[in-house]
């Protein structure tokens, strides 16, 4: 995997086979879990098909359900999930798993880390998953909720600004009252 495609998920041979079998029957594969791990590596590839030969993460630490899925384009989904690790490690690999446990896609980098995980904090992630090698209708994502709303920065900023403006006006009013009345 070249450096410029850091953490670009690559469909696995097993994921492709599952998708083809399901779509032949009129069904879609169902991605339900995301796993993170500590191993950093070049994703093993089949040179002929361009798909990964990986069947699992090399050093999986946590596997969690997808919390929230948002459609941003016909072939793009925003996925949100929460990880509560039991040990400290750099997240250097990520896997997308089907409901039956098949590794659908994998991403890793030999030297770069996606993030740091620690039991002292809860990690909230929002990732974009772009489906380029298949009909988007053949790949579904199942979210267990609740919505995480990790991408509501603008809304939080507006609300915070409103509260800070009110607090500032209250301080100004209190200062004027003290100036007029003195130290009663």
Protein backbone atom coordinates (compact mmCIF):
# COMPACT_ATOMS: atom_id res chain seq x y z
CA UNK A 1 0.00 0.00 0.00
CA UNK A 2 1.65 3.25 -1.05
CA UNK A 3 2.22 6.03 1.47
CA UNK A 4 -0.15 8.44 -0.24
CA UNK A 5 -3.08 6.07 0.41
CA UNK A 6 -2.76 6.02 4.19
CA UNK A 7 -5.63 4.07 5.72
CA UNK A 8 -7.43 3.58 2.45
CA UNK A 9 -9.58 0.47 2.99
CA UNK A 10 -8.89 -2.29 0.50
CA UNK A 11 -11.57 -4.91 -0.19
CA UNK A 12 -10.42 -8.41 0.74
CA UNK A 13 -10.70 -11.49 -1.46
CA UNK A 14 -13.14 -12.98 1.09
CA UNK A 15 -15.18 -9.75 1.21
CA UNK A 16 -15.38 -9.63 -2.58
CA UNK A 17 -16.44 -13.30 -2.74
CA UNK A 18 -19.17 -12.72 -0.12
CA UNK A 19 -20.43 -9.64 -1.98
CA UNK A 20 -20.53 -11.51 -5.30
CA UNK A 21 -22.37 -14.49 -3.77
CA UNK A 22 -24.91 -12.26 -2.05
CA UNK A 23 -25.50 -9.99 -5.03
CA UNK A 24 -26.05 -13.04 -7.27
CA UNK A 25 -28.89 -13.97 -4.93
CA UNK A 26 -30.27 -10.43 -4.94
CA UNK A 27 -28.88 -9.52 -1.51
CA UNK A 28 -26.25 -7.14 -0.17
CA UNK A 29 -23.43 -7.87 2.25
CA UNK A 30 -23.92 -6.31 5.66
CA UNK A 31 -20.99 -4.59 7.40
CA UNK A 32 -21.78 -4.51 11.12
CA UNK A 33 -18.47 -4.20 12.99
CA UNK A 34 -15.24 -2.24 12.88
CA UNK A 35 -12.06 -3.57 14.46
CA UNK A 36 -8.91 -1.69 15.37
CA UNK A 37 -5.46 -3.10 15.96
CA UNK A 38 -1.89 -2.21 16.78
CA UNK A 39 0.08 -3.79 13.92
CA UNK A 40 1.33 -1.50 11.19
CA UNK A 41 2.06 -3.10 7.81
CA UNK A 42 1.63 -2.91 4.08
CA UNK A 43 -1.71 -4.56 3.41
CA UNK A 44 -1.06 -7.95 1.75
CA UNK A 45 -2.37 -7.81 -1.81
CA UNK A 46 -3.21 -10.18 -4.63
CA UNK A 47 -1.30 -8.63 -7.53
CA UNK A 48 -3.74 -10.02 -10.09
CA UNK A 49 -7.06 -8.94 -8.53
CA UNK A 50 -5.90 -5.85 -6.62
CA UNK A 51 -7.70 -7.08 -3.51
CA UNK A 52 -6.24 -7.85 -0.10
CA UNK A 53 -5.46 -11.44 0.88
CA UNK A 54 -5.91 -10.61 4.60
CA UNK A 55 -8.50 -12.62 6.52
CA UNK A 56 -8.09 -10.83 9.87
CA UNK A 57 -6.22 -7.99 11.48
CA UNK A 58 -2.68 -8.90 12.52
CA UNK A 59 -2.99 -7.54 16.08
CA UNK A 60 -6.67 -6.87 16.75
CA UNK A 61 -7.35 -5.07 20.03
CA UNK A 62 -11.04 -4.10 19.87
CA UNK A 63 -14.03 -4.93 17.69
CA UNK A 64 -17.15 -2.82 18.06
CA UNK A 65 -20.51 -2.35 16.39
CA UNK A 66 -21.04 0.61 14.10
CA UNK A 67 -23.00 3.24 16.04
CA UNK A 68 -24.13 5.56 13.29
CA UNK A 69 -24.19 5.55 9.47
CA UNK A 70 -24.89 8.60 7.34
CA UNK A 71 -25.15 8.59 3.57
CA UNK A 72 -23.14 11.50 2.15
CA UNK A 73 -23.10 10.36 -1.50
CA UNK A 74 -24.44 7.39 -3.42
CA UNK A 75 -21.16 5.53 -2.89
CA UNK A 76 -19.97 7.19 0.35
CA UNK A 77 -20.99 6.60 3.96
CA UNK A 78 -19.89 8.35 7.14
CA UNK A 79 -19.43 5.73 9.86
CA UNK A 80 -19.25 6.57 13.58
CA UNK A 81 -18.23 4.22 16.36
CA UNK A 82 -16.99 4.24 19.96
CA UNK A 83 -13.98 2.32 21.25
CA UNK A 84 -13.26 1.78 24.95
CA UNK A 85 -9.83 0.10 24.92
CA UNK A 86 -8.49 -2.01 27.79
CA UNK A 87 -4.83 -1.22 27.02
CA UNK A 88 -2.74 1.54 25.45
CA UNK A 89 -1.67 1.26 21.81
CA UNK A 90 -1.34 3.15 18.56
CA UNK A 91 -4.13 2.32 16.12
CA UNK A 92 -2.28 1.22 13.00
CA UNK A 93 -4.82 -1.09 11.40
CA UNK A 94 -8.56 -1.06 10.92
CA UNK A 95 -10.91 -3.72 9.61
CA UNK A 96 -14.51 -3.70 8.44
CA UNK A 97 -16.34 -6.94 9.25
CA UNK A 98 -19.48 -8.51 7.84
CA UNK A 99 -22.25 -9.84 10.08
CA UNK A 100 -20.87 -13.38 9.67
CA UNK A 101 -17.36 -12.33 10.83
CA UNK A 102 -15.76 -12.11 7.36
CA UNK A 103 -13.19 -9.34 6.98
CA UNK A 104 -14.67 -7.23 4.17
CA UNK A 105 -11.99 -4.53 3.95
CA UNK A 106 -8.75 -3.67 5.72
CA UNK A 107 -6.51 -0.62 6.01
CA UNK A 108 -3.09 -0.23 7.60
CA UNK A 109 0.20 1.61 7.27
CA UNK A 110 3.66 0.36 8.29
CA UNK A 111 4.73 3.57 10.08
CA UNK A 112 1.78 5.95 10.45
CA UNK A 113 -0.82 5.70 13.21
CA UNK A 114 -4.48 6.58 12.86
CA UNK A 115 -4.80 7.50 16.55
CA UNK A 116 -3.76 6.60 20.10
CA UNK A 117 -6.03 4.40 22.21
CA UNK A 118 -5.99 4.31 26.00
CA UNK A 119 -8.24 2.90 28.74
CA UNK A 120 -8.22 6.37 30.33
CA UNK A 121 -10.44 7.74 27.57
CA UNK A 122 -13.26 6.78 25.30
CA UNK A 123 -12.38 7.12 21.63
CA UNK A 124 -15.09 8.42 19.30
CA UNK A 125 -14.40 7.97 15.60
CA UNK A 126 -16.03 9.21 12.41
CA UNK A 127 -14.68 7.71 9.19
CA UNK A 128 -15.66 8.06 5.57
CA UNK A 129 -16.06 4.79 3.67
CA UNK A 130 -16.11 5.17 -0.11
CA UNK A 131 -17.25 2.21 -2.22
CA UNK A 132 -15.34 2.39 -5.50
CA UNK A 133 -15.08 -1.25 -6.55
CA UNK A 134 -18.74 -2.30 -6.40
CA UNK A 135 -22.33 -1.28 -6.91
CA UNK A 136 -23.10 0.69 -3.69
CA UNK A 137 -26.42 -1.16 -3.42
CA UNK A 138 -24.52 -4.42 -2.79
CA UNK A 139 -22.85 -3.13 0.40
CA UNK A 140 -24.95 -2.16 3.43
CA UNK A 141 -23.91 -0.92 6.86
CA UNK A 142 -25.87 -1.68 10.02
CA UNK A 143 -25.76 0.83 12.87
CA UNK A 144 -26.84 0.05 16.41
CA UNK A 145 -27.20 3.70 17.47
CA UNK A 146 -27.55 6.04 19.19
CA UNK A 147 -26.52 8.74 16.71
CA UNK A 148 -23.18 10.20 17.72
CA UNK A 149 -23.46 13.51 15.81
CA UNK A 150 -19.68 13.85 15.72
CA UNK A 151 -19.85 16.17 12.74
CA UNK A 152 -22.06 18.87 14.32
CA UNK A 153 -19.22 21.29 15.01
CA UNK A 154 -21.05 24.26 13.54
CA UNK A 155 -24.16 23.64 15.66
CA UNK A 156 -22.11 23.36 18.86
CA UNK A 157 -20.20 26.53 17.99
CA UNK A 158 -23.41 28.53 17.45
CA UNK A 159 -24.90 27.24 20.72
CA UNK A 160 -21.68 27.94 22.65
CA UNK A 161 -21.48 31.44 21.18
CA UNK A 162 -25.06 32.12 22.32
CA UNK A 163 -24.30 30.98 25.89
CA UNK A 164 -21.03 32.92 26.05
CA UNK A 165 -22.73 36.09 24.77
CA UNK A 166 -25.43 35.75 27.46
CA UNK A 167 -22.80 35.18 30.17
CA UNK A 168 -20.83 38.24 29.01
CA UNK A 169 -23.97 40.43 29.02
CA UNK A 170 -24.82 39.21 32.54
CA UNK A 171 -21.33 40.19 33.74
CA UNK A 172 -21.64 43.63 32.11
CA UNK A 173 -25.05 44.17 33.73
CA UNK A 174 -23.75 43.08 37.14
CA UNK A 175 -20.80 45.48 36.73
CA UNK A 176 -23.14 48.39 35.90
CA UNK A 177 -25.34 47.61 38.92
CA UNK A 178 -22.25 47.56 41.19
CA UNK A 179 -21.10 50.91 39.71
CA UNK A 180 -24.49 52.55 40.32
CA UNK A 181 -25.26 51.06 43.74
CA UNK A 182 -21.74 50.75 45.06
CA UNK A 183 -20.89 48.10 47.66
CA UNK A 184 -24.24 47.98 49.46
